[in-house]
C-alpha atoms as a PDB file:
ATOM      1  CA  UNK A   1       4.770  -8.787  -2.988  1.00  0.00           C
ATOM      2  CA  UNK A   2       1.282  -7.453  -4.436  1.00  0.00           C
ATOM      3  CA  UNK A   3       0.387  -4.366  -5.775  1.00  0.00           C
ATOM      4  CA  UNK A   4      -2.133  -4.737  -2.972  1.00  0.00           C
ATOM      5  CA  UNK A   5      -0.150  -5.384   0.221  1.00  0.00           C
ATOM      6  CA  UNK A   6       2.440  -2.673  -0.182  1.00  0.00           C
ATOM      7  CA  UNK A   7      -0.287  -0.385  -0.859  1.00  0.00           C
ATOM      8  CA  UNK A   8      -1.416  -1.605   2.314  1.00  0.00           C
ATOM      9  CA  UNK A   9       1.460  -1.696   4.576  1.00  0.00           C
ATOM     10  CA  UNK A  10       0.579   2.507   4.491  1.00  0.00           C
ATOM     11  CA  UNK A  11      -2.265   1.664   6.713  1.00  0.00           C
ATOM     12  CA  UNK A  12      -0.466  -0.095   9.444  1.00  0.00           C
ATOM     13  CA  UNK A  13      -1.221  -0.824  12.796  1.00  0.00           C
ATOM     14  CA  UNK A  14      -4.544  -0.163  11.966  1.00  0.00           C
ATOM     15  CA  UNK A  15      -6.063  -3.879  11.685  1.00  0.00           C
ATOM     16  CA  UNK A  16      -5.213  -4.762  14.793  1.00  0.00           C
ATOM     17  CA  UNK A  17      -8.525  -4.085  15.768  1.00  0.00           C
ATOM     18  CA  UNK A  18     -10.026  -1.640  14.065  1.00  0.00           C
ATOM     19  CA  UNK A  19      -9.612  -1.736  10.899  1.00  0.00           C
ATOM     20  CA  UNK A  20     -12.409  -5.408  10.310  1.00  0.00           C
ATOM     21  CA  UNK A  21     -15.063  -3.038  12.027  1.00  0.00           C
ATOM     22  CA  UNK A  22     -14.690   0.017   9.491  1.00  0.00           C
ATOM     23  CA  UNK A  23     -14.725  -2.200   6.382  1.00  0.00           C
ATOM     24  CA  UNK A  24     -17.845  -3.696   7.462  1.00  0.00           C
ATOM     25  CA  UNK A  25     -19.135  -0.177   8.108  1.00  0.00           C
ATOM     26  CA  UNK A  26     -21.165   1.286   5.368  1.00  0.00           C
ATOM     27  CA  UNK A  27     -19.263   4.866   4.659  1.00  0.00           C
ATOM     28  CA  UNK A  28     -21.906   7.450   5.747  1.00  0.00           C
ATOM     29  CA  UNK A  29     -20.312  10.393   4.978  1.00  0.00           C
ATOM     30  CA  UNK A  30     -19.563   9.445   1.669  1.00  0.00           C
ATOM     31  CA  UNK A  31     -16.117   8.811   2.178  1.00  0.00           C
ATOM     32  CA  UNK A  32     -13.821   5.889   0.834  1.00  0.00           C
ATOM     33  CA  UNK A  33     -13.390   3.439   3.151  1.00  0.00           C
ATOM     34  CA  UNK A  34      -8.999   3.663   2.421  1.00  0.00           C
ATOM     35  CA  UNK A  35      -9.581   7.486   3.764  1.00  0.00           C
ATOM     36  CA  UNK A  36     -10.779   6.590   7.022  1.00  0.00           C
ATOM     37  CA  UNK A  37      -8.380   3.647   7.560  1.00  0.00           C
ATOM     38  CA  UNK A  38      -5.595   6.237   6.981  1.00  0.00           C
ATOM     39  CA  UNK A  39      -6.913   8.341   9.197  1.00  0.00           C
ATOM     40  CA  UNK A  40      -7.530   6.053  11.766  1.00  0.00           C
ATOM     41  CA  UNK A  41      -4.208   4.763  11.113  1.00  0.00           C
ATOM     42  CA  UNK A  42      -2.709   7.825  11.723  1.00  0.00           C
ATOM     43  CA  UNK A  43      -4.179   8.258  14.594  1.00  0.00           C
ATOM     44  CA  UNK A  44      -2.915   5.198  16.194  1.00  0.00           C
ATOM     45  CA  UNK A  45       0.286   6.187  15.257  1.00  0.00           C
ATOM     46  CA  UNK A  46       0.393   9.208  17.175  1.00  0.00           C
ATOM     47  CA  UNK A  47      -0.563   7.496  20.030  1.00  0.00           C
ATOM     48  CA  UNK A  48       1.750   4.528  19.823  1.00  0.00           C
ATOM     49  CA  UNK A  49       4.743   7.070  18.899  1.00  0.00           C
ATOM     50  CA  UNK A  50       4.232   9.759  21.675  1.00  0.00           C
ATOM     51  CA  UNK A  51       4.720  12.293  18.294  1.00  0.00           C
ATOM     52  CA  UNK A  52       3.997  16.089  18.883  1.00  0.00           C
ATOM     53  CA  UNK A  53       1.603  18.510  17.261  1.00  0.00           C
ATOM     54  CA  UNK A  54       4.793  19.120  14.399  1.00  0.00           C
ATOM     55  CA  UNK A  55       6.162  15.430  13.907  1.00  0.00           C
ATOM     56  CA  UNK A  56       2.272  14.508  13.597  1.00  0.00           C
ATOM     57  CA  UNK A  57       1.916  16.984  10.880  1.00  0.00           C
ATOM     58  CA  UNK A  58       5.474  16.413   9.117  1.00  0.00           C
ATOM     59  CA  UNK A  59       4.725  12.292   9.020  1.00  0.00           C
ATOM     60  CA  UNK A  60       0.864  13.244   7.528  1.00  0.00           C
ATOM     61  CA  UNK A  61       2.740  15.840   5.177  1.00  0.00           C
ATOM     62  CA  UNK A  62       5.577  12.435   3.885  1.00  0.00           C
ATOM     63  CA  UNK A  63       2.819   9.650   4.185  1.00  0.00           C
ATOM     64  CA  UNK A  64       0.327  11.379   1.637  1.00  0.00           C
ATOM     65  CA  UNK A  65       3.056  12.372  -0.407  1.00  0.00           C
ATOM     66  CA  UNK A  66       4.414   8.585  -0.878  1.00  0.00           C
ATOM     67  CA  UNK A  67       0.627   7.267  -0.597  1.00  0.00           C
ATOM     68  CA  UNK A  68       0.212   9.568  -3.703  1.00  0.00           C
ATOM     69  CA  UNK A  69       3.015   8.619  -5.981  1.00  0.00           C
ATOM     70  CA  UNK A  70       2.425   4.663  -4.700  1.00  0.00           C
ATOM     71  CA  UNK A  71      -1.408   6.053  -6.045  1.00  0.00           C
ATOM     72  CA  UNK A  72      -0.031   7.243  -9.832  1.00  0.00           C
ATOM     73  CA  UNK A  73       2.204   4.327  -9.819  1.00  0.00           C
ATOM     74  CA  UNK A  74      -0.834   1.681  -9.074  1.00  0.00           C
ATOM     75  CA  UNK A  75      -2.959   3.365 -12.023  1.00  0.00           C
ATOM     76  CA  UNK A  76      -0.078   3.170 -14.037  1.00  0.00           C
ATOM     77  CA  UNK A  77       0.444  -0.976 -13.635  1.00  0.00           C
ATOM     78  CA  UNK A  78      -3.190  -0.886 -14.504  1.00  0.00           C
ATOM     79  CA  UNK A  79      -3.156   0.321 -17.305  1.00  0.00           C
ATOM     80  CA  UNK A  80       0.222  -1.807 -18.550  1.00  0.00           C
ATOM     81  CA  UNK A  81      -1.352  -5.189 -16.876  1.00  0.00           C
ATOM     82  CA  UNK A  82      -4.078  -4.168 -19.189  1.00  0.00           C
ATOM     83  CA  UNK A  83      -2.064  -3.737 -22.191  1.00  0.00           C
ATOM     84  CA  UNK A  84      -0.023  -6.760 -21.936  1.00  0.00           C
ATOM     85  CA  UNK A  85      -3.012  -9.101 -21.073  1.00  0.00           C
ATOM     86  CA  UNK A  86      -4.624  -7.620 -24.519  1.00  0.00           C
ATOM     87  CA  UNK A  87      -1.146  -9.131 -25.836  1.00  0.00           C
ATOM     88  CA  UNK A  88      -1.503 -12.244 -24.406  1.00  0.00           C
ATOM     89  CA  UNK A  89      -5.160 -13.370 -25.128  1.00  0.00           C
ATOM     90  CA  UNK A  90      -5.621 -17.016 -26.460  1.00  0.00           C
ATOM     91  CA  UNK A  91      -5.408 -16.730 -29.978  1.00  0.00           C
ATOM     92  CA  UNK A  92      -4.053 -13.551 -30.728  1.00  0.00           C
ATOM     93  CA  UNK A  93      -0.537 -12.951 -32.226  1.00  0.00           C
ATOM     94  CA  UNK A  94       1.110 -10.943 -29.785  1.00  0.00           C
ATOM     95  CA  UNK A  95       3.365  -8.542 -31.077  1.00  0.00           C
ATOM     96  CA  UNK A  96       7.020  -9.537 -29.069  1.00  0.00           C
ATOM     97  CA  UNK A  97       7.606  -5.903 -29.036  1.00  0.00           C
ATOM     98  CA  UNK A  98       4.881  -4.426 -26.788  1.00  0.00           C
ATOM     99  CA  UNK A  99       5.788  -7.619 -24.704  1.00  0.00           C
ATOM    100  CA  UNK A 100       8.380  -6.705 -24.089  1.00  0.00           C
ATOM    101  CA  UNK A 101       8.308  -2.907 -24.040  1.00  0.00           C
ATOM    102  CA  UNK A 102       4.991  -4.041 -21.233  1.00  0.00           C
ATOM    103  CA  UNK A 103       7.062  -6.096 -19.277  1.00  0.00           C
ATOM    104  CA  UNK A 104       9.819  -3.528 -18.918  1.00  0.00           C
ATOM    105  CA  UNK A 105       7.410  -1.469 -17.727  1.00  0.00           C
ATOM    106  CA  UNK A 106       5.971  -3.289 -15.177  1.00  0.00           C
ATOM    107  CA  UNK A 107       9.108  -4.189 -13.813  1.00  0.00           C
ATOM    108  CA  UNK A 108      10.709  -0.734 -13.912  1.00  0.00           C
ATOM    109  CA  UNK A 109       6.895   0.034 -11.897  1.00  0.00           C
ATOM    110  CA  UNK A 110       8.016  -2.439  -9.135  1.00  0.00           C
ATOM    111  CA  UNK A 111      11.009  -1.364  -8.382  1.00  0.00           C
ATOM    112  CA  UNK A 112       9.924   2.244  -8.543  1.00  0.00           C
ATOM    113  CA  UNK A 113       6.579   1.113  -5.954  1.00  0.00           C
ATOM    114  CA  UNK A 114       9.652  -0.872  -3.553  1.00  0.00           C
ATOM    115  CA  UNK A 115      11.787   2.622  -3.736  1.00  0.00           C
ATOM    116  CA  UNK A 116       8.543   4.765  -2.494  1.00  0.00           C
ATOM    117  CA  UNK A 117       8.399   2.808   0.336  1.00  0.00           C
ATOM    118  CA  UNK A 118      12.830   3.864   1.073  1.00  0.00           C
ATOM    119  CA  UNK A 119      11.779   6.882   0.187  1.00  0.00           C
ATOM    120  CA  UNK A 120       8.731   7.576   2.953  1.00  0.00           C
ATOM    121  CA  UNK A 121      11.728   6.051   5.610  1.00  0.00           C
ATOM    122  CA  UNK A 122      14.093   8.400   4.568  1.00  0.00           C
ATOM    123  CA  UNK A 123      11.491  11.276   5.206  1.00  0.00           C
ATOM    124  CA  UNK A 124      10.298   9.967   8.427  1.00  0.00           C
ATOM    125  CA  UNK A 125      14.235   9.746   9.448  1.00  0.00           C
ATOM    126  CA  UNK A 126      14.126  13.740   8.791  1.00  0.00           C
ATOM    127  CA  UNK A 127      12.239  14.074  12.557  1.00  0.00           C
ATOM    128  CA  UNK A 128      11.563  10.918  14.239  1.00  0.00           C
ATOM    129  CA  UNK A 129      14.056   8.574  15.931  1.00  0.00           C
ATOM    130  CA  UNK A 130      15.630   5.137  14.742  1.00  0.00           C
ATOM    131  CA  UNK A 131      12.767   3.597  17.648  1.00  0.00           C
ATOM    132  CA  UNK A 132       9.707   5.692  15.731  1.00  0.00           C
ATOM    133  CA  UNK A 133      10.869   5.036  12.288  1.00  0.00           C
ATOM    134  CA  UNK A 134      11.628   1.057  13.498  1.00  0.00           C
ATOM    135  CA  UNK A 135       7.886   1.395  15.701  1.00  0.00           C
ATOM    136  CA  UNK A 136       6.371   2.495  12.626  1.00  0.00           C
ATOM    137  CA  UNK A 137       7.937   0.094   9.576  1.00  0.00           C
ATOM    138  CA  UNK A 138       7.071  -2.949  12.312  1.00  0.00           C
ATOM    139  CA  UNK A 139       3.478  -1.433  12.788  1.00  0.00           C
ATOM    140  CA  UNK A 140       2.746  -1.390   8.742  1.00  0.00           C
ATOM    141  CA  UNK A 141       4.515  -4.903   8.727  1.00  0.00           C
ATOM    142  CA  UNK A 142       1.709  -6.186  11.099  1.00  0.00           C
ATOM    143  CA  UNK A 143      -1.095  -4.528   9.377  1.00  0.00           C
ATOM    144  CA  UNK A 144       0.363  -6.199   6.063  1.00  0.00           C
ATOM    145  CA  UNK A 145       0.277  -9.671   7.088  1.00  0.00           C
ATOM    146  CA  UNK A 146      -3.549  -8.746   8.742  1.00  0.00           C
ATOM    147  CA  UNK A 147      -4.459  -7.722   5.033  1.00  0.00           C
ATOM    148  CA  UNK A 148      -2.841 -10.668   3.547  1.00  0.00           C
ATOM    149  CA  UNK A 149      -4.531 -13.197   6.033  1.00  0.00           C
ATOM    150  CA  UNK A 150      -8.055 -10.746   5.641  1.00  0.00           C
ATOM    151  CA  UNK A 151      -7.915 -11.161   1.795  1.00  0.00           C
ATOM    152  CA  UNK A 152      -7.272 -14.796   1.876  1.00  0.00           C
ATOM    153  CA  UNK A 153      -9.900 -15.750   4.341  1.00  0.00           C
ATOM    154  CA  UNK A 154     -12.637 -14.266   2.256  1.00  0.00           C
ATOM    155  CA  UNK A 155     -14.989 -16.530  -0.060  1.00  0.00           C
ATOM    156  CA  UNK A 156     -14.058 -17.039  -3.304  1.00  0.00           C
ATOM    157  CA  UNK A 157     -10.422 -16.006  -3.219  1.00  0.00           C
ATOM    158  CA  UNK A 158      -7.500 -18.357  -3.519  1.00  0.00           C
ATOM    159  CA  UNK A 159      -5.707 -19.564  -0.788  1.00  0.00           C
ATOM    160  CA  UNK A 160      -1.851 -19.114  -1.997  1.00  0.00           C
ATOM    161  CA  UNK A 161       1.174 -21.555  -0.862  1.00  0.00           C
ATOM    162  CA  UNK A 162       3.073 -18.567   1.695  1.00  0.00           C
ATOM    163  CA  UNK A 163       7.072 -18.984   1.584  1.00  0.00           C
END
């Protein structure tokens, strides 16, 4: 699964109506669209999961913590990919040690990224019922699929074969 797809998991459920309108809007308040999407998603989760104030506050804390960790991992992955791309340019003799190290770091980064979602679910299990956690995971999955569909529908984006 791509880095973008994993990141979008955080915003699950949101795209079921609000995301296309939000993305099309020019931010008037200067906040990035990503922040606004997260805010709308959290409101949707709060309603759909019938969270009380305490649960909602704890959920926001868990999600922000894991999202922050994922943003750091995304930045690290971009750096590693740049390093790898620089080594693999046509006409440039790649240093095998650098390439091996970059690939190892890239794979470790991806594992850590996936583990961040397990950490997120473990954090949610501390105060949500199994049904609420399941609802959250499904909302996130629906958003992921919608985000992939929206990306593939953009002009100039190559359509990938789906499994």
